[in-house]
Amino acid sequence: MSENYIDKIILSTLESMSKCNWKWPDHWDEEVCYNFLSECLDWLEHNEYYEYCDVIKNEKEKIKKKR
């Protein structure tokens, strides 16, 4: 069985989000960040990575607080 490297990259990024002070790309506004997180959450749920959903929810809350 081959490894899915896209899954590994996404999950690794989420691990970083949960453990580090995450810095978004400078050219992304709040809406783009929020949409990216929403799409990640959909992907996580679709692929049944429920243990990572809280990371996304926490990041979305941080964005909401900045508004």
N, C-alpha and C. Protein backbone atom coordinates (compact mmCIF):
# COMPACT_ATOMS: atom_id res chain seq x y z
N MET A 1 0.84 -1.18 0.00
CA MET A 1 0.00 0.00 0.00
C MET A 1 0.88 1.24 0.00
N SER A 2 0.61 2.15 -0.91
CA SER A 2 1.42 3.37 -0.98
C SER A 2 0.95 4.40 0.03
N GLU A 3 1.86 5.26 0.42
CA GLU A 3 1.53 6.30 1.38
C GLU A 3 0.93 7.50 0.66
N ASN A 4 0.02 8.15 1.32
CA ASN A 4 -0.58 9.34 0.75
C ASN A 4 0.14 10.56 1.31
N TYR A 5 0.98 11.17 0.49
CA TYR A 5 1.80 12.28 0.95
C TYR A 5 1.01 13.57 1.14
N ILE A 6 -0.07 13.73 0.40
CA ILE A 6 -0.92 14.91 0.60
C ILE A 6 -1.52 14.87 2.00
N ASP A 7 -2.01 13.72 2.39
CA ASP A 7 -2.54 13.57 3.75
C ASP A 7 -1.47 13.91 4.78
N LYS A 8 -0.28 13.41 4.56
CA LYS A 8 0.81 13.66 5.51
C LYS A 8 1.13 15.15 5.61
N ILE A 9 1.14 15.84 4.49
CA ILE A 9 1.46 17.27 4.49
C ILE A 9 0.38 18.05 5.24
N ILE A 10 -0.86 17.75 4.94
CA ILE A 10 -1.96 18.47 5.60
C ILE A 10 -1.95 18.20 7.10
N LEU A 11 -1.80 16.97 7.48
CA LEU A 11 -1.81 16.63 8.90
C LEU A 11 -0.59 17.21 9.63
N SER A 12 0.53 17.25 8.95
CA SER A 12 1.73 17.85 9.54
C SER A 12 1.52 19.35 9.76
N THR A 13 0.89 19.99 8.81
CA THR A 13 0.59 21.42 8.94
C THR A 13 -0.35 21.66 10.11
N LEU A 14 -1.33 20.82 10.26
CA LEU A 14 -2.26 20.96 11.39
C LEU A 14 -1.57 20.73 12.73
N GLU A 15 -0.64 19.81 12.74
CA GLU A 15 0.15 19.61 13.96
C GLU A 15 0.91 20.89 14.32
N SER A 16 1.49 21.50 13.32
CA SER A 16 2.22 22.76 13.54
C SER A 16 1.28 23.84 14.05
N MET A 17 0.10 23.92 13.48
CA MET A 17 -0.89 24.92 13.93
C MET A 17 -1.22 24.74 15.41
N SER A 18 -1.27 23.52 15.84
CA SER A 18 -1.67 23.25 17.22
C SER A 18 -0.53 23.50 18.22
N LYS A 19 0.71 23.49 17.74
CA LYS A 19 1.85 23.57 18.66
C LYS A 19 2.66 24.85 18.55
N CYS A 20 2.46 25.60 17.49
CA CYS A 20 3.29 26.78 17.25
C CYS A 20 2.42 28.02 17.07
N ASN A 21 3.08 29.15 17.11
CA ASN A 21 2.39 30.39 16.77
C ASN A 21 2.34 30.46 15.25
N TRP A 22 1.17 30.18 14.70
CA TRP A 22 1.00 30.04 13.26
C TRP A 22 1.02 31.39 12.58
N LYS A 23 1.74 31.50 11.47
CA LYS A 23 1.78 32.74 10.70
C LYS A 23 1.18 32.46 9.33
N TRP A 24 0.15 33.21 8.99
CA TRP A 24 -0.50 33.08 7.69
C TRP A 24 0.31 33.82 6.64
N PRO A 25 0.16 33.44 5.39
CA PRO A 25 0.83 34.20 4.32
C PRO A 25 0.37 35.66 4.36
N ASP A 26 1.28 36.56 4.15
CA ASP A 26 0.98 37.99 4.25
C ASP A 26 -0.10 38.45 3.28
N HIS A 27 -0.20 37.83 2.15
CA HIS A 27 -1.16 38.26 1.14
C HIS A 27 -2.57 37.68 1.36
N TRP A 28 -2.77 36.87 2.41
CA TRP A 28 -4.08 36.32 2.73
C TRP A 28 -4.80 37.24 3.69
N ASP A 29 -6.02 37.60 3.36
CA ASP A 29 -6.82 38.37 4.31
C ASP A 29 -7.60 37.40 5.21
N GLU A 30 -8.36 37.93 6.14
CA GLU A 30 -9.07 37.09 7.10
C GLU A 30 -10.06 36.15 6.42
N GLU A 31 -10.70 36.65 5.39
CA GLU A 31 -11.69 35.82 4.69
C GLU A 31 -11.03 34.61 4.02
N VAL A 32 -9.89 34.82 3.40
CA VAL A 32 -9.18 33.70 2.75
C VAL A 32 -8.73 32.68 3.80
N CYS A 33 -8.21 33.16 4.90
CA CYS A 33 -7.79 32.26 5.99
C CYS A 33 -8.97 31.44 6.50
N TYR A 34 -10.07 32.13 6.73
CA TYR A 34 -11.26 31.47 7.26
C TYR A 34 -11.79 30.43 6.26
N ASN A 35 -11.82 30.77 4.98
CA ASN A 35 -12.27 29.83 3.96
C ASN A 35 -11.34 28.62 3.86
N PHE A 36 -10.05 28.88 3.94
CA PHE A 36 -9.08 27.78 3.93
C PHE A 36 -9.34 26.82 5.09
N LEU A 37 -9.56 27.36 6.27
CA LEU A 37 -9.84 26.54 7.43
C LEU A 37 -11.14 25.76 7.29
N SER A 38 -12.12 26.38 6.72
CA SER A 38 -13.41 25.69 6.49
C SER A 38 -13.23 24.51 5.53
N GLU A 39 -12.46 24.73 4.49
CA GLU A 39 -12.21 23.65 3.55
C GLU A 39 -11.38 22.53 4.20
N CYS A 40 -10.45 22.91 5.04
CA CYS A 40 -9.67 21.90 5.77
C CYS A 40 -10.57 21.08 6.69
N LEU A 41 -11.48 21.76 7.35
CA LEU A 41 -12.41 21.07 8.24
C LEU A 41 -13.27 20.09 7.46
N ASP A 42 -13.75 20.50 6.32
CA ASP A 42 -14.52 19.59 5.46
C ASP A 42 -13.69 18.38 5.06
N TRP A 43 -12.45 18.63 4.68
CA TRP A 43 -11.56 17.54 4.28
C TRP A 43 -11.31 16.57 5.45
N LEU A 44 -11.07 17.14 6.61
CA LEU A 44 -10.83 16.30 7.80
C LEU A 44 -12.04 15.42 8.11
N GLU A 45 -13.19 16.01 8.07
CA GLU A 45 -14.40 15.23 8.35
C GLU A 45 -14.64 14.17 7.29
N HIS A 46 -14.43 14.52 6.04
CA HIS A 46 -14.62 13.57 4.95
C HIS A 46 -13.66 12.38 5.08
N ASN A 47 -12.44 12.66 5.50
CA ASN A 47 -11.42 11.60 5.64
C ASN A 47 -11.35 11.02 7.04
N GLU A 48 -12.27 11.44 7.88
CA GLU A 48 -12.43 10.90 9.24
C GLU A 48 -11.21 11.13 10.14
N TYR A 49 -10.62 12.31 10.00
CA TYR A 49 -9.54 12.71 10.90
C TYR A 49 -10.13 13.62 11.98
N TYR A 50 -11.05 13.08 12.72
CA TYR A 50 -11.80 13.89 13.68
C TYR A 50 -10.93 14.47 14.79
N GLU A 51 -9.84 13.81 15.09
CA GLU A 51 -8.97 14.29 16.17
C GLU A 51 -8.31 15.62 15.84
N TYR A 52 -8.30 16.02 14.57
CA TYR A 52 -7.69 17.29 14.17
C TYR A 52 -8.71 18.43 14.03
N CYS A 53 -9.97 18.11 14.11
CA CYS A 53 -11.02 19.12 13.90
C CYS A 53 -10.94 20.25 14.92
N ASP A 54 -10.56 19.95 16.14
CA ASP A 54 -10.45 20.99 17.17
C ASP A 54 -9.38 22.03 16.83
N VAL A 55 -8.32 21.60 16.19
CA VAL A 55 -7.27 22.54 15.79
C VAL A 55 -7.85 23.58 14.85
N ILE A 56 -8.63 23.13 13.88
CA ILE A 56 -9.24 24.04 12.92
C ILE A 56 -10.23 24.96 13.62
N LYS A 57 -11.04 24.41 14.47
CA LYS A 57 -12.03 25.22 15.19
C LYS A 57 -11.35 26.29 16.04
N ASN A 58 -10.26 25.95 16.67
CA ASN A 58 -9.52 26.92 17.48
C ASN A 58 -8.94 28.05 16.62
N GLU A 59 -8.41 27.70 15.47
CA GLU A 59 -7.86 28.72 14.57
C GLU A 59 -8.96 29.63 14.03
N LYS A 60 -10.11 29.05 13.74
CA LYS A 60 -11.23 29.87 13.28
C LYS A 60 -11.67 30.86 14.37
N GLU A 61 -11.66 30.41 15.60
CA GLU A 61 -12.01 31.30 16.72
C GLU A 61 -11.02 32.45 16.84
N LYS A 62 -9.75 32.17 16.64
CA LYS A 62 -8.74 33.21 16.70
C LYS A 62 -8.98 34.28 15.62
N ILE A 63 -9.37 33.82 14.44
CA ILE A 63 -9.65 34.76 13.36
C ILE A 63 -10.88 35.60 13.70
N LYS A 64 -11.91 34.97 14.25
CA LYS A 64 -13.12 35.71 14.61
C LYS A 64 -12.82 36.78 15.65
N LYS A 65 -11.96 36.49 16.60
CA LYS A 65 -11.63 37.42 17.66
C LYS A 65 -10.88 38.64 17.13
N LYS A 66 -10.13 38.46 16.05
CA LYS A 66 -9.37 39.57 15.45
C LYS A 66 -10.26 40.57 14.75
N ARG A 67 -11.44 40.15 14.35
CA ARG A 67 -12.35 41.03 13.61
C ARG A 67 -12.94 42.08 14.49
